[in-house]
Amino acid sequence: MDLVELGDAFAAFWQERHLCTLSTARAGGPPHVVPVGATLDLAAGIARVITSGSSYKARLIGAGGAAVALCQVDGRRWSTLEGRAVLRTEPEQVADAERRYAARYKPPRVNPARVVVEIHVARVLGNV
């Protein structure tokens, strides 16, 4: 999906400092929704969330990946990114995601068990 074509307002909204929610599905279907910090690579169409490999969200996504939704809201402005998430554990991928996170939020705390939830965006909803 070409996220660049969604325009400058969309790009700016995903660069502003906002917390997001990540929704995954538990066994049987109930949603698991947690607050996260996220970054969006418009050119690649990939959103990233850093987390501990032992976190429940990481376990729900697992080795095979999972469908997820990443949502960000600021007053009346909102955007949801839907897509397939996979876990990335490669040190260079984790370091890249940490750099992106630090640029949007602040440097993350040290976590040797850190992984990256990499979301390949397939659908965008919202009003920005």
N, C-alpha and C. Protein backbone atom coordinates (compact mmCIF):
# COMPACT_ATOMS: atom_id res chain seq x y z
N MET A 1 0.84 -1.18 0.00
CA MET A 1 0.00 0.00 0.00
C MET A 1 0.88 1.24 0.00
N ASP A 2 0.56 2.21 -0.83
CA ASP A 2 1.34 3.44 -0.92
C ASP A 2 0.77 4.47 0.07
N LEU A 3 1.42 4.58 1.22
CA LEU A 3 0.96 5.51 2.25
C LEU A 3 1.36 6.95 1.95
N VAL A 4 2.36 7.15 1.11
CA VAL A 4 2.79 8.50 0.75
C VAL A 4 1.66 9.25 0.05
N GLU A 5 0.88 8.55 -0.76
CA GLU A 5 -0.19 9.21 -1.51
C GLU A 5 -1.34 9.69 -0.61
N LEU A 6 -1.31 9.32 0.67
CA LEU A 6 -2.35 9.79 1.60
C LEU A 6 -2.12 11.24 2.02
N GLY A 7 -0.99 11.81 1.66
CA GLY A 7 -0.78 13.24 1.83
C GLY A 7 0.00 13.67 3.05
N ASP A 8 0.26 14.98 3.06
CA ASP A 8 1.08 15.58 4.11
C ASP A 8 0.41 15.56 5.47
N ALA A 9 -0.90 15.78 5.53
CA ALA A 9 -1.59 15.79 6.84
C ALA A 9 -1.51 14.42 7.49
N PHE A 10 -1.68 13.37 6.68
CA PHE A 10 -1.57 12.00 7.19
C PHE A 10 -0.15 11.74 7.70
N ALA A 11 0.84 12.12 6.91
CA ALA A 11 2.24 11.92 7.30
C ALA A 11 2.55 12.67 8.59
N ALA A 12 2.11 13.92 8.68
CA ALA A 12 2.38 14.72 9.88
C ALA A 12 1.72 14.12 11.11
N PHE A 13 0.49 13.63 10.96
CA PHE A 13 -0.22 13.05 12.09
C PHE A 13 0.53 11.85 12.66
N TRP A 14 1.13 11.05 11.80
CA TRP A 14 1.87 9.86 12.25
C TRP A 14 3.30 10.20 12.69
N GLN A 15 3.69 11.47 12.59
CA GLN A 15 4.98 11.90 13.13
C GLN A 15 4.82 12.61 14.46
N GLU A 16 3.63 13.18 14.71
CA GLU A 16 3.37 13.86 15.98
C GLU A 16 3.46 12.84 17.11
N ARG A 17 3.74 13.34 18.32
CA ARG A 17 3.86 12.44 19.47
C ARG A 17 2.48 12.11 20.01
N HIS A 18 2.00 10.92 19.69
CA HIS A 18 0.73 10.40 20.21
C HIS A 18 0.94 8.95 20.61
N LEU A 19 0.28 8.54 21.66
CA LEU A 19 0.25 7.11 21.96
C LEU A 19 -0.78 6.45 21.05
N CYS A 20 -0.61 5.18 20.86
CA CYS A 20 -1.48 4.40 19.98
C CYS A 20 -2.06 3.24 20.77
N THR A 21 -2.96 2.52 20.15
CA THR A 21 -3.40 1.24 20.69
C THR A 21 -3.14 0.18 19.63
N LEU A 22 -2.71 -0.98 20.10
CA LEU A 22 -2.50 -2.13 19.23
C LEU A 22 -3.52 -3.18 19.61
N SER A 23 -4.29 -3.61 18.63
CA SER A 23 -5.32 -4.64 18.87
C SER A 23 -4.91 -5.93 18.18
N THR A 24 -4.90 -7.00 18.96
CA THR A 24 -4.67 -8.34 18.45
C THR A 24 -5.85 -9.19 18.90
N ALA A 25 -5.93 -10.42 18.43
CA ALA A 25 -7.05 -11.30 18.80
C ALA A 25 -6.55 -12.41 19.71
N ARG A 26 -7.27 -12.59 20.81
CA ARG A 26 -7.00 -13.71 21.70
C ARG A 26 -7.60 -14.98 21.10
N ALA A 27 -7.23 -16.11 21.66
CA ALA A 27 -7.84 -17.37 21.23
C ALA A 27 -9.36 -17.26 21.41
N GLY A 28 -10.09 -17.64 20.41
CA GLY A 28 -11.54 -17.55 20.47
C GLY A 28 -12.09 -16.22 19.97
N GLY A 29 -11.20 -15.25 19.72
CA GLY A 29 -11.63 -14.02 19.09
C GLY A 29 -11.70 -12.74 19.89
N PRO A 30 -11.80 -12.76 21.24
CA PRO A 30 -11.89 -11.48 21.94
C PRO A 30 -10.66 -10.62 21.68
N PRO A 31 -10.83 -9.30 21.55
CA PRO A 31 -9.67 -8.45 21.29
C PRO A 31 -8.80 -8.25 22.52
N HIS A 32 -7.52 -8.10 22.26
CA HIS A 32 -6.55 -7.71 23.28
C HIS A 32 -6.02 -6.35 22.80
N VAL A 33 -6.33 -5.29 23.53
CA VAL A 33 -5.97 -3.93 23.13
C VAL A 33 -5.05 -3.34 24.18
N VAL A 34 -3.89 -2.86 23.74
CA VAL A 34 -2.91 -2.30 24.67
C VAL A 34 -2.35 -0.98 24.12
N PRO A 35 -1.97 -0.07 25.03
CA PRO A 35 -1.33 1.16 24.59
C PRO A 35 0.11 0.89 24.18
N VAL A 36 0.54 1.54 23.11
CA VAL A 36 1.90 1.37 22.59
C VAL A 36 2.38 2.68 21.97
N GLY A 37 3.68 2.77 21.82
CA GLY A 37 4.28 3.78 20.98
C GLY A 37 4.53 3.12 19.64
N ALA A 38 4.32 3.84 18.56
CA ALA A 38 4.48 3.24 17.23
C ALA A 38 5.11 4.24 16.28
N THR A 39 5.76 3.72 15.27
CA THR A 39 6.30 4.55 14.21
C THR A 39 5.79 4.04 12.88
N LEU A 40 5.77 4.93 11.91
CA LEU A 40 5.26 4.56 10.59
C LEU A 40 6.27 4.96 9.53
N ASP A 41 6.67 4.00 8.72
CA ASP A 41 7.54 4.22 7.56
C ASP A 41 6.62 4.32 6.35
N LEU A 42 6.34 5.54 5.93
CA LEU A 42 5.40 5.76 4.83
C LEU A 42 5.86 5.08 3.54
N ALA A 43 7.13 5.24 3.20
CA ALA A 43 7.64 4.72 1.94
C ALA A 43 7.55 3.20 1.86
N ALA A 44 7.81 2.53 2.98
CA ALA A 44 7.78 1.06 3.01
C ALA A 44 6.39 0.51 3.31
N GLY A 45 5.50 1.35 3.84
CA GLY A 45 4.17 0.87 4.23
C GLY A 45 4.21 -0.03 5.45
N ILE A 46 5.14 0.28 6.37
CA ILE A 46 5.34 -0.56 7.56
C ILE A 46 5.25 0.28 8.82
N ALA A 47 4.44 -0.16 9.77
CA ALA A 47 4.40 0.42 11.11
C ALA A 47 5.18 -0.51 12.03
N ARG A 48 5.81 0.09 13.05
CA ARG A 48 6.62 -0.70 13.97
C ARG A 48 6.28 -0.35 15.42
N VAL A 49 6.26 -1.39 16.24
CA VAL A 49 6.06 -1.26 17.68
C VAL A 49 7.17 -2.06 18.34
N ILE A 50 7.87 -1.45 19.29
CA ILE A 50 8.89 -2.21 20.03
C ILE A 50 8.25 -2.74 21.31
N THR A 51 8.64 -3.94 21.69
CA THR A 51 8.08 -4.57 22.88
C THR A 51 9.01 -5.69 23.35
N SER A 52 8.74 -6.19 24.51
CA SER A 52 9.49 -7.34 25.00
C SER A 52 8.99 -8.60 24.31
N GLY A 53 9.90 -9.49 24.00
CA GLY A 53 9.52 -10.75 23.34
C GLY A 53 8.61 -11.61 24.19
N SER A 54 8.59 -11.37 25.50
CA SER A 54 7.73 -12.16 26.38
C SER A 54 6.36 -11.52 26.61
N SER A 55 6.12 -10.34 26.02
CA SER A 55 4.84 -9.66 26.23
C SER A 55 3.69 -10.47 25.63
N TYR A 56 2.53 -10.24 26.17
CA TYR A 56 1.35 -10.97 25.68
C TYR A 56 1.08 -10.65 24.22
N LYS A 57 1.23 -9.39 23.83
CA LYS A 57 1.00 -9.03 22.43
C LYS A 57 1.96 -9.77 21.51
N ALA A 58 3.23 -9.88 21.92
CA ALA A 58 4.20 -10.61 21.10
C ALA A 58 3.83 -12.09 21.03
N ARG A 59 3.38 -12.65 22.13
CA ARG A 59 2.99 -14.07 22.13
C ARG A 59 1.75 -14.29 21.26
N LEU A 60 0.82 -13.33 21.25
CA LEU A 60 -0.36 -13.49 20.40
C LEU A 60 0.00 -13.44 18.92
N ILE A 61 0.95 -12.60 18.56
CA ILE A 61 1.38 -12.51 17.16
C ILE A 61 2.18 -13.76 16.79
N GLY A 62 3.07 -14.16 17.67
CA GLY A 62 3.79 -15.42 17.51
C GLY A 62 4.63 -15.51 16.26
N ALA A 63 5.15 -16.70 16.05
CA ALA A 63 6.05 -16.95 14.93
C ALA A 63 5.34 -16.87 13.58
N GLY A 64 4.05 -17.16 13.55
CA GLY A 64 3.33 -17.17 12.28
C GLY A 64 2.71 -15.85 11.89
N GLY A 65 2.77 -14.85 12.77
CA GLY A 65 2.17 -13.56 12.47
C GLY A 65 0.68 -13.55 12.77
N ALA A 66 0.08 -12.38 12.67
CA ALA A 66 -1.34 -12.23 12.99
C ALA A 66 -1.88 -10.95 12.40
N ALA A 67 -3.18 -10.91 12.19
CA ALA A 67 -3.85 -9.69 11.76
C ALA A 67 -3.97 -8.77 12.97
N VAL A 68 -3.67 -7.48 12.78
CA VAL A 68 -3.72 -6.51 13.87
C VAL A 68 -4.30 -5.20 13.37
N ALA A 69 -4.63 -4.33 14.33
CA ALA A 69 -5.02 -2.96 14.04
C ALA A 69 -4.24 -2.05 14.97
N LEU A 70 -3.70 -0.98 14.42
CA LEU A 70 -2.96 0.01 15.17
C LEU A 70 -3.71 1.33 15.02
N CYS A 71 -4.14 1.91 16.13
CA CYS A 71 -4.97 3.11 16.08
C CYS A 71 -4.32 4.25 16.85
N GLN A 72 -4.51 5.45 16.32
CA GLN A 72 -4.02 6.66 16.96
C GLN A 72 -5.13 7.69 16.90
N VAL A 73 -5.35 8.41 18.01
CA VAL A 73 -6.42 9.40 18.06
C VAL A 73 -5.92 10.67 18.74
N ASP A 74 -6.38 11.79 18.25
CA ASP A 74 -6.10 13.09 18.85
C ASP A 74 -7.34 13.94 18.66
N GLY A 75 -8.17 14.00 19.69
CA GLY A 75 -9.44 14.73 19.56
C GLY A 75 -10.30 14.10 18.49
N ARG A 76 -10.67 14.89 17.50
CA ARG A 76 -11.52 14.38 16.42
C ARG A 76 -10.71 13.72 15.30
N ARG A 77 -9.39 13.90 15.33
CA ARG A 77 -8.54 13.28 14.30
C ARG A 77 -8.18 11.86 14.74
N TRP A 78 -8.29 10.93 13.80
CA TRP A 78 -7.91 9.56 14.13
C TRP A 78 -7.47 8.83 12.87
N SER A 79 -6.71 7.77 13.10
CA SER A 79 -6.25 6.93 11.99
C SER A 79 -6.03 5.52 12.51
N THR A 80 -6.52 4.55 11.79
CA THR A 80 -6.29 3.15 12.11
C THR A 80 -5.58 2.49 10.93
N LEU A 81 -4.53 1.77 11.24
CA LEU A 81 -3.79 1.00 10.24
C LEU A 81 -4.07 -0.47 10.49
N GLU A 82 -4.55 -1.16 9.49
CA GLU A 82 -4.80 -2.60 9.60
C GLU A 82 -3.78 -3.33 8.75
N GLY A 83 -3.39 -4.51 9.20
CA GLY A 83 -2.46 -5.29 8.41
C GLY A 83 -2.01 -6.53 9.14
N ARG A 84 -1.05 -7.17 8.55
CA ARG A 84 -0.48 -8.39 9.10
C ARG A 84 0.80 -8.04 9.85
N ALA A 85 0.89 -8.50 11.08
CA ALA A 85 2.07 -8.25 11.90
C ALA A 85 2.93 -9.49 11.98
N VAL A 86 4.22 -9.27 11.98
CA VAL A 86 5.20 -10.33 12.21
C VAL A 86 6.18 -9.83 13.25
N LEU A 87 6.82 -10.75 13.93
CA LEU A 87 7.85 -10.38 14.92
C LEU A 87 9.21 -10.41 14.25
N ARG A 88 9.99 -9.37 14.51
CA ARG A 88 11.36 -9.31 14.00
C ARG A 88 12.28 -9.33 15.21
N THR A 89 13.26 -10.19 15.18
CA THR A 89 14.19 -10.33 16.30
C THR A 89 15.63 -10.01 15.92
N GLU A 90 15.89 -9.76 14.63
CA GLU A 90 17.24 -9.50 14.19
C GLU A 90 17.77 -8.22 14.84
N PRO A 91 18.99 -8.25 15.37
CA PRO A 91 19.53 -7.07 16.07
C PRO A 91 19.47 -5.79 15.24
N GLU A 92 19.74 -5.87 13.95
CA GLU A 92 19.71 -4.65 13.13
C GLU A 92 18.28 -4.12 12.97
N GLN A 93 17.31 -5.02 12.92
CA GLN A 93 15.90 -4.59 12.84
C GLN A 93 15.44 -3.96 14.15
N VAL A 94 15.86 -4.55 15.26
CA VAL A 94 15.51 -4.00 16.58
C VAL A 94 16.17 -2.62 16.75
N ALA A 95 17.43 -2.50 16.39
CA ALA A 95 18.13 -1.21 16.52
C ALA A 95 17.47 -0.14 15.64
N ASP A 96 17.09 -0.49 14.43
CA ASP A 96 16.40 0.45 13.54
C ASP A 96 15.09 0.91 14.16
N ALA A 97 14.31 -0.02 14.69
CA ALA A 97 13.03 0.33 15.31
C ALA A 97 13.24 1.20 16.55
N GLU A 98 14.29 0.94 17.31
CA GLU A 98 14.60 1.76 18.49
C GLU A 98 14.95 3.19 18.08
N ARG A 99 15.71 3.35 16.99
CA ARG A 99 16.06 4.68 16.49
C ARG A 99 14.81 5.45 16.06
N ARG A 100 13.93 4.75 15.36
CA ARG A 100 12.68 5.38 14.91
C ARG A 100 11.82 5.79 16.11
N TYR A 101 11.74 4.91 17.11
CA TYR A 101 10.97 5.19 18.32
C TYR A 101 11.55 6.42 19.03
N ALA A 102 12.88 6.47 19.18
CA ALA A 102 13.54 7.59 19.86
C ALA A 102 13.28 8.90 19.14
N ALA A 103 13.21 8.88 17.82
CA ALA A 103 12.95 10.10 17.05
C ALA A 103 11.53 10.62 17.28
N ARG A 104 10.58 9.73 17.50
CA ARG A 104 9.19 10.16 17.69
C ARG A 104 8.85 10.41 19.15
N TYR A 105 9.40 9.64 20.04
CA TYR A 105 9.06 9.72 21.46
C TYR A 105 10.27 10.15 22.29
N LYS A 106 11.02 9.20 22.75
CA LYS A 106 12.25 9.40 23.53
C LYS A 106 13.03 8.10 23.45
N PRO A 107 14.30 8.11 23.79
CA PRO A 107 15.05 6.86 23.73
C PRO A 107 14.40 5.80 24.64
N PRO A 108 14.20 4.59 24.11
CA PRO A 108 13.58 3.55 24.93
C PRO A 108 14.56 3.03 25.97
N ARG A 109 14.00 2.49 27.04
CA ARG A 109 14.86 1.90 28.07
C ARG A 109 15.55 0.66 27.49
N VAL A 110 16.62 0.28 28.09
CA VAL A 110 17.36 -0.91 27.64
C VAL A 110 16.50 -2.14 27.90
N ASN A 111 16.42 -3.00 26.91
CA ASN A 111 15.66 -4.25 27.05
C ASN A 111 16.29 -5.30 26.14
N PRO A 112 17.12 -6.19 26.68
CA PRO A 112 17.78 -7.20 25.85
C PRO A 112 16.80 -8.19 25.23
N ALA A 113 15.57 -8.26 25.73
CA ALA A 113 14.57 -9.18 25.18
C ALA A 113 13.66 -8.49 24.16
N ARG A 114 14.04 -7.29 23.73
CA ARG A 114 13.19 -6.51 22.82
C ARG A 114 13.05 -7.18 21.45
N VAL A 115 11.84 -7.09 20.91
CA VAL A 115 11.52 -7.52 19.55
C VAL A 115 10.76 -6.37 18.89
N VAL A 116 10.55 -6.51 17.60
CA VAL A 116 9.79 -5.51 16.85
C VAL A 116 8.54 -6.17 16.28
N VAL A 117 7.41 -5.55 16.55
CA VAL A 117 6.17 -5.92 15.88
C VAL A 117 6.16 -5.10 14.59
N GLU A 118 6.31 -5.77 13.46
CA GLU A 118 6.36 -5.12 12.17
C GLU A 118 5.03 -5.35 11.46
N ILE A 119 4.31 -4.26 11.22
CA ILE A 119 2.97 -4.35 10.63
C ILE A 119 3.03 -3.89 9.18
N HIS A 120 2.69 -4.79 8.29
CA HIS A 120 2.62 -4.46 6.87
C HIS A 120 1.21 -3.94 6.60
N VAL A 121 1.11 -2.64 6.42
CA VAL A 121 -0.18 -1.97 6.34
C VAL A 121 -0.91 -2.35 5.05
N ALA A 122 -2.13 -2.84 5.21
CA ALA A 122 -2.95 -3.25 4.07
C ALA A 122 -4.17 -2.34 3.89
N ARG A 123 -4.58 -1.65 4.99
CA ARG A 123 -5.77 -0.82 4.93
C ARG A 123 -5.61 0.34 5.91
N VAL A 124 -6.12 1.49 5.51
CA VAL A 124 -6.07 2.68 6.37
C VAL A 124 -7.49 3.21 6.52
N LEU A 125 -7.87 3.49 7.76
CA LEU A 125 -9.14 4.11 8.06
C LEU A 125 -8.86 5.41 8.80
N GLY A 126 -9.79 6.34 8.81
CA GLY A 126 -9.61 7.55 9.60
C GLY A 126 -10.05 8.79 8.88
N ASN A 127 -9.74 9.94 9.51
CA ASN A 127 -10.16 11.21 8.93
C ASN A 127 -9.02 12.21 8.82
N VAL A 128 -7.79 11.74 8.74
CA VAL A 128 -6.66 12.64 8.50
C VAL A 128 -6.03 12.34 7.17
